[in-house]
Amino acid sequence: MARSASLLRLRTSFWYLPSFYGAFAFFLAIGTLLLDNYLLSSMDAENQIPAIFLSDINLSQTILSSIASSLLTMTTITFSTILVVLTTYLSEFSPRA
């Protein structure tokens, strides 16, 4: 009975799902890296993998910087929009709002 109560308390905890997904993503990333190293170290890997998947580090850095800057832009626009809505709401109604 105590074991089921502790499992229920663990499963209803706020940090259960985020920690589970974080650990799963960590092990999936490690597995992907190991699989990538295994496939690239095998014989004749460059002839079996299409050339579009084999890129250099400069292209990867360009793609990553584009994604990071677009996410930062979207976050900034969302934050400023929320502030405009809150400012409008607070100026239109009584001070109690």
PDB file of N, CA and C in Angstrom:
ATOM      1  N   MET A   1       0.813  -1.187   0.000  1.00  0.00           N
ATOM      2  CA  MET A   1       0.000   0.000   0.000  1.00  0.00           C
ATOM      3  C   MET A   1       0.863   1.261   0.000  1.00  0.00           C
ATOM      4  N   ALA A   2       1.932   1.257   0.766  1.00  0.00           N
ATOM      5  CA  ALA A   2       2.798   2.431   0.839  1.00  0.00           C
ATOM      6  C   ALA A   2       3.528   2.650  -0.482  1.00  0.00           C
ATOM      7  N   ARG A   3       3.847   1.549  -1.157  1.00  0.00           N
ATOM      8  CA  ARG A   3       4.541   1.675  -2.443  1.00  0.00           C
ATOM      9  C   ARG A   3       3.631   2.313  -3.483  1.00  0.00           C
ATOM     10  N   SER A   4       2.371   1.913  -3.528  1.00  0.00           N
ATOM     11  CA  SER A   4       1.444   2.501  -4.495  1.00  0.00           C
ATOM     12  C   SER A   4       1.162   3.963  -4.175  1.00  0.00           C
ATOM     13  N   ALA A   5       1.133   4.298  -2.898  1.00  0.00           N
ATOM     14  CA  ALA A   5       0.913   5.697  -2.515  1.00  0.00           C
ATOM     15  C   ALA A   5       2.111   6.556  -2.909  1.00  0.00           C
ATOM     16  N   SER A   6       3.309   6.026  -2.742  1.00  0.00           N
ATOM     17  CA  SER A   6       4.489   6.800  -3.129  1.00  0.00           C
ATOM     18  C   SER A   6       4.596   6.917  -4.646  1.00  0.00           C
ATOM     19  N   LEU A   7       4.203   5.857  -5.384  1.00  0.00           N
ATOM     20  CA  LEU A   7       4.196   5.956  -6.844  1.00  0.00           C
ATOM     21  C   LEU A   7       3.156   6.948  -7.331  1.00  0.00           C
ATOM     22  N   LEU A   8       2.002   6.964  -6.696  1.00  0.00           N
ATOM     23  CA  LEU A   8       0.974   7.931  -7.066  1.00  0.00           C
ATOM     24  C   LEU A   8       1.429   9.354  -6.768  1.00  0.00           C
ATOM     25  N   ARG A   9       2.076   9.550  -5.638  1.00  0.00           N
ATOM     26  CA  ARG A   9       2.587  10.877  -5.291  1.00  0.00           C
ATOM     27  C   ARG A   9       3.679  11.313  -6.270  1.00  0.00           C
ATOM     28  N   LEU A  10       4.509  10.368  -6.712  1.00  0.00           N
ATOM     29  CA  LEU A  10       5.557  10.683  -7.682  1.00  0.00           C
ATOM     30  C   LEU A  10       4.947  11.035  -9.037  1.00  0.00           C
ATOM     31  N   ARG A  11       3.944  10.280  -9.473  1.00  0.00           N
ATOM     32  CA  ARG A  11       3.341  10.514 -10.775  1.00  0.00           C
ATOM     33  C   ARG A  11       2.526  11.799 -10.814  1.00  0.00           C
ATOM     34  N   THR A  12       1.995  12.226  -9.693  1.00  0.00           N
ATOM     35  CA  THR A  12       1.239  13.475  -9.666  1.00  0.00           C
ATOM     36  C   THR A  12       2.127  14.680  -9.375  1.00  0.00           C
ATOM     37  N   SER A  13       3.402  14.451  -9.185  1.00  0.00           N
ATOM     38  CA  SER A  13       4.326  15.547  -8.925  1.00  0.00           C
ATOM     39  C   SER A  13       4.472  16.417 -10.172  1.00  0.00           C
ATOM     40  N   PHE A  14       4.783  17.681  -9.952  1.00  0.00           N
ATOM     41  CA  PHE A  14       4.944  18.626 -11.055  1.00  0.00           C
ATOM     42  C   PHE A  14       6.154  18.291 -11.916  1.00  0.00           C
ATOM     43  N   TRP A  15       7.209  17.783 -11.319  1.00  0.00           N
ATOM     44  CA  TRP A  15       8.460  17.550 -12.037  1.00  0.00           C
ATOM     45  C   TRP A  15       8.568  16.166 -12.640  1.00  0.00           C
ATOM     46  N   TYR A  16       7.554  15.338 -12.528  1.00  0.00           N
ATOM     47  CA  TYR A  16       7.646  13.969 -13.040  1.00  0.00           C
ATOM     48  C   TYR A  16       7.797  13.945 -14.558  1.00  0.00           C
ATOM     49  N   LEU A  17       6.851  14.530 -15.276  1.00  0.00           N
ATOM     50  CA  LEU A  17       6.908  14.483 -16.741  1.00  0.00           C
ATOM     51  C   LEU A  17       8.084  15.276 -17.322  1.00  0.00           C
ATOM     52  N   PRO A  18       8.372  16.492 -16.871  1.00  0.00           N
ATOM     53  CA  PRO A  18       9.532  17.179 -17.437  1.00  0.00           C
ATOM     54  C   PRO A  18      10.849  16.437 -17.215  1.00  0.00           C
ATOM     55  N   SER A  19      11.022  15.844 -16.040  1.00  0.00           N
ATOM     56  CA  SER A  19      12.273  15.108 -15.807  1.00  0.00           C
ATOM     57  C   SER A  19      12.310  13.826 -16.622  1.00  0.00           C
ATOM     58  N   PHE A  20      11.164  13.172 -16.788  1.00  0.00           N
ATOM     59  CA  PHE A  20      11.126  11.965 -17.615  1.00  0.00           C
ATOM     60  C   PHE A  20      11.464  12.296 -19.066  1.00  0.00           C
ATOM     61  N   TYR A  21      10.840  13.339 -19.610  1.00  0.00           N
ATOM     62  CA  TYR A  21      11.115  13.722 -20.997  1.00  0.00           C
ATOM     63  C   TYR A  21      12.542  14.227 -21.163  1.00  0.00           C
ATOM     64  N   GLY A  22      13.067  14.915 -20.166  1.00  0.00           N
ATOM     65  CA  GLY A  22      14.454  15.365 -20.249  1.00  0.00           C
ATOM     66  C   GLY A  22      15.437  14.214 -20.267  1.00  0.00           C
ATOM     67  N   ALA A  23      15.215  13.217 -19.403  1.00  0.00           N
ATOM     68  CA  ALA A  23      16.095  12.049 -19.386  1.00  0.00           C
ATOM     69  C   ALA A  23      15.963  11.247 -20.674  1.00  0.00           C
ATOM     70  N   PHE A  24      14.735  11.124 -21.174  1.00  0.00           N
ATOM     71  CA  PHE A  24      14.527  10.400 -22.431  1.00  0.00           C
ATOM     72  C   PHE A  24      15.222  11.113 -23.587  1.00  0.00           C
ATOM     73  N   ALA A  25      15.135  12.437 -23.647  1.00  0.00           N
ATOM     74  CA  ALA A  25      15.802  13.196 -24.701  1.00  0.00           C
ATOM     75  C   ALA A  25      17.317  13.084 -24.592  1.00  0.00           C
ATOM     76  N   PHE A  26      17.832  13.064 -23.362  1.00  0.00           N
ATOM     77  CA  PHE A  26      19.275  12.929 -23.170  1.00  0.00           C
ATOM     78  C   PHE A  26      19.763  11.579 -23.707  1.00  0.00           C
ATOM     79  N   PHE A  27      19.079  10.499 -23.331  1.00  0.00           N
ATOM     80  CA  PHE A  27      19.498   9.180 -23.801  1.00  0.00           C
ATOM     81  C   PHE A  27      19.273   9.016 -25.303  1.00  0.00           C
ATOM     82  N   LEU A  28      18.243   9.646 -25.843  1.00  0.00           N
ATOM     83  CA  LEU A  28      18.026   9.601 -27.283  1.00  0.00           C
ATOM     84  C   LEU A  28      19.126  10.346 -28.027  1.00  0.00           C
ATOM     85  N   ALA A  29      19.590  11.467 -27.475  1.00  0.00           N
ATOM     86  CA  ALA A  29      20.682  12.215 -28.102  1.00  0.00           C
ATOM     87  C   ALA A  29      21.980  11.419 -28.064  1.00  0.00           C
ATOM     88  N   ILE A  30      22.260  10.773 -26.937  1.00  0.00           N
ATOM     89  CA  ILE A  30      23.466   9.937 -26.842  1.00  0.00           C
ATOM     90  C   ILE A  30      23.385   8.776 -27.827  1.00  0.00           C
ATOM     91  N   GLY A  31      22.222   8.143 -27.918  1.00  0.00           N
ATOM     92  CA  GLY A  31      22.040   7.037 -28.864  1.00  0.00           C
ATOM     93  C   GLY A  31      22.197   7.485 -30.306  1.00  0.00           C
ATOM     94  N   THR A  32      21.691   8.670 -30.621  1.00  0.00           N
ATOM     95  CA  THR A  32      21.834   9.194 -31.974  1.00  0.00           C
ATOM     96  C   THR A  32      23.289   9.484 -32.305  1.00  0.00           C
ATOM     97  N   LEU A  33      24.022  10.037 -31.348  1.00  0.00           N
ATOM     98  CA  LEU A  33      25.445  10.294 -31.584  1.00  0.00           C
ATOM     99  C   LEU A  33      26.228   8.993 -31.785  1.00  0.00           C
ATOM    100  N   LEU A  34      25.927   7.996 -30.970  1.00  0.00           N
ATOM    101  CA  LEU A  34      26.614   6.714 -31.127  1.00  0.00           C
ATOM    102  C   LEU A  34      26.284   6.063 -32.457  1.00  0.00           C
ATOM    103  N   LEU A  35      25.016   6.124 -32.871  1.00  0.00           N
ATOM    104  CA  LEU A  35      24.619   5.564 -34.162  1.00  0.00           C
ATOM    105  C   LEU A  35      25.290   6.315 -35.306  1.00  0.00           C
ATOM    106  N   ASP A  36      25.379   7.627 -35.199  1.00  0.00           N
ATOM    107  CA  ASP A  36      26.029   8.433 -36.230  1.00  0.00           C
ATOM    108  C   ASP A  36      27.511   8.086 -36.346  1.00  0.00           C
ATOM    109  N   ASN A  37      28.187   7.976 -35.205  1.00  0.00           N
ATOM    110  CA  ASN A  37      29.605   7.599 -35.239  1.00  0.00           C
ATOM    111  C   ASN A  37      29.802   6.197 -35.799  1.00  0.00           C
ATOM    112  N   TYR A  38      28.909   5.285 -35.468  1.00  0.00           N
ATOM    113  CA  TYR A  38      29.016   3.915 -35.981  1.00  0.00           C
ATOM    114  C   TYR A  38      28.807   3.876 -37.490  1.00  0.00           C
ATOM    115  N   LEU A  39      27.803   4.604 -37.968  1.00  0.00           N
ATOM    116  CA  LEU A  39      27.524   4.575 -39.405  1.00  0.00           C
ATOM    117  C   LEU A  39      28.609   5.270 -40.214  1.00  0.00           C
ATOM    118  N   LEU A  40      29.146   6.353 -39.700  1.00  0.00           N
ATOM    119  CA  LEU A  40      30.183   7.065 -40.446  1.00  0.00           C
ATOM    120  C   LEU A  40      31.538   6.370 -40.378  1.00  0.00           C
ATOM    121  N   SER A  41      31.759   5.554 -39.344  1.00  0.00           N
ATOM    122  CA  SER A  41      33.041   4.862 -39.251  1.00  0.00           C
ATOM    123  C   SER A  41      33.040   3.552 -40.032  1.00  0.00           C
ATOM    124  N   SER A  42      31.880   3.124 -40.486  1.00  0.00           N
ATOM    125  CA  SER A  42      31.840   1.877 -41.251  1.00  0.00           C
ATOM    126  C   SER A  42      32.427   2.095 -42.637  1.00  0.00           C
ATOM    127  N   MET A  43      32.745   1.014 -43.273  1.00  0.00           N
ATOM    128  CA  MET A  43      33.367   1.075 -44.603  1.00  0.00           C
ATOM    129  C   MET A  43      32.375   1.612 -45.627  1.00  0.00           C
ATOM    130  N   ASP A  44      32.837   2.493 -46.485  1.00  0.00           N
ATOM    131  CA  ASP A  44      32.076   2.985 -47.630  1.00  0.00           C
ATOM    132  C   ASP A  44      30.818   3.745 -47.210  1.00  0.00           C
ATOM    133  N   ALA A  45      30.884   4.460 -46.108  1.00  0.00           N
ATOM    134  CA  ALA A  45      29.703   5.180 -45.621  1.00  0.00           C
ATOM    135  C   ALA A  45      29.396   6.396 -46.478  1.00  0.00           C
ATOM    136  N   GLU A  46      30.400   7.045 -47.010  1.00  0.00           N
ATOM    137  CA  GLU A  46      30.168   8.248 -47.798  1.00  0.00           C
ATOM    138  C   GLU A  46      29.506   7.939 -49.133  1.00  0.00           C
ATOM    139  N   ASN A  47      29.662   6.735 -49.627  1.00  0.00           N
ATOM    140  CA  ASN A  47      29.004   6.370 -50.879  1.00  0.00           C
ATOM    141  C   ASN A  47      27.571   5.910 -50.645  1.00  0.00           C
ATOM    142  N   GLN A  48      27.254   5.464 -49.455  1.00  0.00           N
ATOM    143  CA  GLN A  48      25.907   4.990 -49.164  1.00  0.00           C
ATOM    144  C   GLN A  48      24.975   6.107 -48.704  1.00  0.00           C
ATOM    145  N   ILE A  49      25.517   7.130 -48.076  1.00  0.00           N
ATOM    146  CA  ILE A  49      24.711   8.253 -47.591  1.00  0.00           C
ATOM    147  C   ILE A  49      24.664   9.317 -48.686  1.00  0.00           C
ATOM    148  N   PRO A  50      23.470   9.821 -49.017  1.00  0.00           N
ATOM    149  CA  PRO A  50      23.386  10.875 -50.040  1.00  0.00           C
ATOM    150  C   PRO A  50      24.185  12.109 -49.647  1.00  0.00           C
ATOM    151  N   ALA A  51      24.698  12.803 -50.641  1.00  0.00           N
ATOM    152  CA  ALA A  51      25.579  13.949 -50.400  1.00  0.00           C
ATOM    153  C   ALA A  51      24.859  15.108 -49.717  1.00  0.00           C
ATOM    154  N   ILE A  52      23.546  15.163 -49.830  1.00  0.00           N
ATOM    155  CA  ILE A  52      22.812  16.270 -49.208  1.00  0.00           C
ATOM    156  C   ILE A  52      22.856  16.182 -47.681  1.00  0.00           C
ATOM    157  N   PHE A  53      23.028  14.967 -47.142  1.00  0.00           N
ATOM    158  CA  PHE A  53      23.106  14.793 -45.694  1.00  0.00           C
ATOM    159  C   PHE A  53      24.501  15.035 -45.140  1.00  0.00           C
ATOM    160  N   LEU A  54      25.502  15.031 -45.973  1.00  0.00           N
ATOM    161  CA  LEU A  54      26.878  15.258 -45.533  1.00  0.00           C
ATOM    162  C   LEU A  54      27.230  16.724 -45.803  1.00  0.00           C
ATOM    163  N   SER A  55      27.190  17.537 -44.776  1.00  0.00           N
ATOM    164  CA  SER A  55      27.486  18.955 -44.927  1.00  0.00           C
ATOM    165  C   SER A  55      28.660  19.326 -44.022  1.00  0.00           C
ATOM    166  N   ASP A  56      29.126  20.546 -44.188  1.00  0.00           N
ATOM    167  CA  ASP A  56      30.236  20.998 -43.362  1.00  0.00           C
ATOM    168  C   ASP A  56      29.713  21.793 -42.172  1.00  0.00           C
ATOM    169  N   ILE A  57      30.630  22.198 -41.326  1.00  0.00           N
ATOM    170  CA  ILE A  57      30.231  22.858 -40.081  1.00  0.00           C
ATOM    171  C   ILE A  57      29.745  24.280 -40.326  1.00  0.00           C
ATOM    172  N   ASN A  58      30.203  24.924 -41.374  1.00  0.00           N
ATOM    173  CA  ASN A  58      29.759  26.296 -41.649  1.00  0.00           C
ATOM    174  C   ASN A  58      28.272  26.340 -41.982  1.00  0.00           C
ATOM    175  N   LEU A  59      27.806  25.368 -42.756  1.00  0.00           N
ATOM    176  CA  LEU A  59      26.383  25.311 -43.082  1.00  0.00           C
ATOM    177  C   LEU A  59      25.555  25.039 -41.828  1.00  0.00           C
ATOM    178  N   SER A  60      26.042  24.158 -40.980  1.00  0.00           N
ATOM    179  CA  SER A  60      25.332  23.864 -39.731  1.00  0.00           C
ATOM    180  C   SER A  60      25.256  25.091 -38.835  1.00  0.00           C
ATOM    181  N   GLN A  61      26.336  25.843 -38.738  1.00  0.00           N
ATOM    182  CA  GLN A  61      26.328  27.055 -37.912  1.00  0.00           C
ATOM    183  C   GLN A  61      25.399  28.110 -38.485  1.00  0.00           C
ATOM    184  N   THR A  62      25.316  28.215 -39.804  1.00  0.00           N
ATOM    185  CA  THR A  62      24.417  29.179 -40.436  1.00  0.00           C
ATOM    186  C   THR A  62      22.962  28.821 -40.168  1.00  0.00           C
ATOM    187  N   ILE A  63      22.630  27.548 -40.309  1.00  0.00           N
ATOM    188  CA  ILE A  63      21.255  27.109 -40.049  1.00  0.00           C
ATOM    189  C   ILE A  63      20.893  27.318 -38.579  1.00  0.00           C
ATOM    190  N   LEU A  64      21.795  26.960 -37.670  1.00  0.00           N
ATOM    191  CA  LEU A  64      21.528  27.116 -36.243  1.00  0.00           C
ATOM    192  C   LEU A  64      21.385  28.580 -35.853  1.00  0.00           C
ATOM    193  N   SER A  65      22.207  29.459 -36.418  1.00  0.00           N
ATOM    194  CA  SER A  65      22.084  30.880 -36.092  1.00  0.00           C
ATOM    195  C   SER A  65      20.791  31.467 -36.656  1.00  0.00           C
ATOM    196  N   SER A  66      20.356  30.991 -37.814  1.00  0.00           N
ATOM    197  CA  SER A  66      19.077  31.461 -38.366  1.00  0.00           C
ATOM    198  C   SER A  66      17.913  31.031 -37.493  1.00  0.00           C
ATOM    199  N   ILE A  67      17.933  29.797 -37.034  1.00  0.00           N
ATOM    200  CA  ILE A  67      16.864  29.308 -36.162  1.00  0.00           C
ATOM    201  C   ILE A  67      16.865  30.062 -34.834  1.00  0.00           C
ATOM    202  N   ALA A  68      18.042  30.282 -34.256  1.00  0.00           N
ATOM    203  CA  ALA A  68      18.133  30.982 -32.976  1.00  0.00           C
ATOM    204  C   ALA A  68      17.658  32.428 -33.099  1.00  0.00           C
ATOM    205  N   SER A  69      18.032  33.100 -34.166  1.00  0.00           N
ATOM    206  CA  SER A  69      17.607  34.500 -34.316  1.00  0.00           C
ATOM    207  C   SER A  69      16.113  34.592 -34.583  1.00  0.00           C
ATOM    208  N   SER A  70      15.551  33.650 -35.334  1.00  0.00           N
ATOM    209  CA  SER A  70      14.105  33.702 -35.568  1.00  0.00           C
ATOM    210  C   SER A  70      13.330  33.407 -34.293  1.00  0.00           C
ATOM    211  N   LEU A  71      13.801  32.478 -33.465  1.00  0.00           N
ATOM    212  CA  LEU A  71      13.135  32.206 -32.198  1.00  0.00           C
ATOM    213  C   LEU A  71      13.230  33.396 -31.251  1.00  0.00           C
ATOM    214  N   LEU A  72      14.373  34.052 -31.235  1.00  0.00           N
ATOM    215  CA  LEU A  72      14.524  35.244 -30.394  1.00  0.00           C
ATOM    216  C   LEU A  72      13.605  36.362 -30.862  1.00  0.00           C
ATOM    217  N   THR A  73      13.456  36.520 -32.166  1.00  0.00           N
ATOM    218  CA  THR A  73      12.552  37.534 -32.710  1.00  0.00           C
ATOM    219  C   THR A  73      11.110  37.236 -32.335  1.00  0.00           C
ATOM    220  N   MET A  74      10.698  35.978 -32.472  1.00  0.00           N
ATOM    221  CA  MET A  74       9.325  35.615 -32.113  1.00  0.00           C
ATOM    222  C   MET A  74       9.065  35.802 -30.627  1.00  0.00           C
ATOM    223  N   THR A  75      10.039  35.486 -29.790  1.00  0.00           N
ATOM    224  CA  THR A  75       9.887  35.686 -28.354  1.00  0.00           C
ATOM    225  C   THR A  75       9.754  37.161 -28.019  1.00  0.00           C
ATOM    226  N   THR A  76      10.539  37.995 -28.663  1.00  0.00           N
ATOM    227  CA  THR A  76      10.477  39.435 -28.421  1.00  0.00           C
ATOM    228  C   THR A  76       9.136  40.006 -28.855  1.00  0.00           C
ATOM    229  N   ILE A  77       8.654  39.603 -30.021  1.00  0.00           N
ATOM    230  CA  ILE A  77       7.365  40.101 -30.517  1.00  0.00           C
ATOM    231  C   ILE A  77       6.235  39.653 -29.603  1.00  0.00           C
ATOM    232  N   THR A  78       6.274  38.392 -29.152  1.00  0.00           N
ATOM    233  CA  THR A  78       5.236  37.885 -28.262  1.00  0.00           C
ATOM    234  C   THR A  78       5.241  38.636 -26.938  1.00  0.00           C
ATOM    235  N   PHE A  79       6.413  38.852 -26.373  1.00  0.00           N
ATOM    236  CA  PHE A  79       6.513  39.560 -25.103  1.00  0.00           C
ATOM    237  C   PHE A  79       6.020  40.990 -25.227  1.00  0.00           C
ATOM    238  N   SER A  80       6.408  41.684 -26.289  1.00  0.00           N
ATOM    239  CA  SER A  80       5.966  43.073 -26.442  1.00  0.00           C
ATOM    240  C   SER A  80       4.466  43.146 -26.696  1.00  0.00           C
ATOM    241  N   THR A  81       3.903  42.163 -27.420  1.00  0.00           N
ATOM    242  CA  THR A  81       2.454  42.147 -27.636  1.00  0.00           C
ATOM    243  C   THR A  81       1.698  41.933 -26.327  1.00  0.00           C
ATOM    244  N   ILE A  82       2.195  41.042 -25.499  1.00  0.00           N
ATOM    245  CA  ILE A  82       1.563  40.813 -24.203  1.00  0.00           C
ATOM    246  C   ILE A  82       1.627  42.070 -23.344  1.00  0.00           C
ATOM    247  N   LEU A  83       2.747  42.766 -23.373  1.00  0.00           N
ATOM    248  CA  LEU A  83       2.851  44.012 -22.604  1.00  0.00           C
ATOM    249  C   LEU A  83       1.898  45.080 -23.122  1.00  0.00           C
ATOM    250  N   VAL A  84       1.696  45.171 -24.432  1.00  0.00           N
ATOM    251  CA  VAL A  84       0.759  46.139 -24.987  1.00  0.00           C
ATOM    252  C   VAL A  84      -0.662  45.814 -24.555  1.00  0.00           C
ATOM    253  N   VAL A  85      -1.010  44.531 -24.584  1.00  0.00           N
ATOM    254  CA  VAL A  85      -2.355  44.129 -24.158  1.00  0.00           C
ATOM    255  C   VAL A  85      -2.567  44.442 -22.683  1.00  0.00           C
ATOM    256  N   LEU A  86      -1.593  44.136 -21.849  1.00  0.00           N
ATOM    257  CA  LEU A  86      -1.740  44.431 -20.421  1.00  0.00           C
ATOM    258  C   LEU A  86      -1.803  45.922 -20.141  1.00  0.00           C
ATOM    259  N   THR A  87      -1.023  46.702 -20.851  1.00  0.00           N
ATOM    260  CA  THR A  87      -1.050  48.155 -20.661  1.00  0.00           C
ATOM    261  C   THR A  87      -2.395  48.726 -21.080  1.00  0.00           C
ATOM    262  N   THR A  88      -2.925  48.257 -22.190  1.00  0.00           N
ATOM    263  CA  THR A  88      -4.236  48.712 -22.648  1.00  0.00           C
ATOM    264  C   THR A  88      -5.322  48.318 -21.665  1.00  0.00           C
ATOM    265  N   TYR A  89      -5.250  47.109 -21.172  1.00  0.00           N
ATOM    266  CA  TYR A  89      -6.236  46.634 -20.214  1.00  0.00           C
ATOM    267  C   TYR A  89      -6.200  47.462 -18.930  1.00  0.00           C
ATOM    268  N   LEU A  90      -5.022  47.742 -18.443  1.00  0.00           N
ATOM    269  CA  LEU A  90      -4.904  48.481 -17.183  1.00  0.00           C
ATOM    270  C   LEU A  90      -5.273  49.953 -17.333  1.00  0.00           C
ATOM    271  N   SER A  91      -5.113  50.518 -18.524  1.00  0.00           N
ATOM    272  CA  SER A  91      -5.451  51.939 -18.695  1.00  0.00           C
ATOM    273  C   SER A  91      -6.934  52.144 -18.968  1.00  0.00           C
ATOM    274  N   GLU A  92      -7.645  51.150 -19.432  1.00  0.00           N
ATOM    275  CA  GLU A  92      -9.051  51.290 -19.771  1.00  0.00           C
ATOM    276  C   GLU A  92     -10.000  51.060 -18.597  1.00  0.00           C
ATOM    277  N   PHE A  93      -9.545  50.363 -17.597  1.00  0.00           N
ATOM    278  CA  PHE A  93     -10.421  49.997 -16.502  1.00  0.00           C
ATOM    279  C   PHE A  93      -9.978  50.701 -15.220  1.00  0.00           C
ATOM    280  N   SER A  94     -10.719  50.415 -14.160  1.00  0.00           N
ATOM    281  CA  SER A  94     -10.452  51.068 -12.884  1.00  0.00           C
ATOM    282  C   SER A  94      -9.112  50.597 -12.311  1.00  0.00           C
ATOM    283  N   PRO A  95      -8.587  51.298 -11.318  1.00  0.00           N
ATOM    284  CA  PRO A  95      -7.327  50.897 -10.714  1.00  0.00           C
ATOM    285  C   PRO A  95      -7.397  49.552 -10.014  1.00  0.00           C
ATOM    286  N   ARG A  96      -8.593  49.080  -9.722  1.00  0.00           N
ATOM    287  CA  ARG A  96      -8.715  47.777  -9.075  1.00  0.00           C
ATOM    288  C   ARG A  96      -8.413  46.623 -10.025  1.00  0.00           C
ATOM    289  N   ALA A  97      -8.539  46.845 -11.307  1.00  0.00           N
ATOM    290  CA  ALA A  97      -8.321  45.775 -12.271  1.00  0.00           C
ATOM    291  C   ALA A  97      -6.861  45.434 -12.333  1.00  0.00           C
TER     292      ALA A  97
END
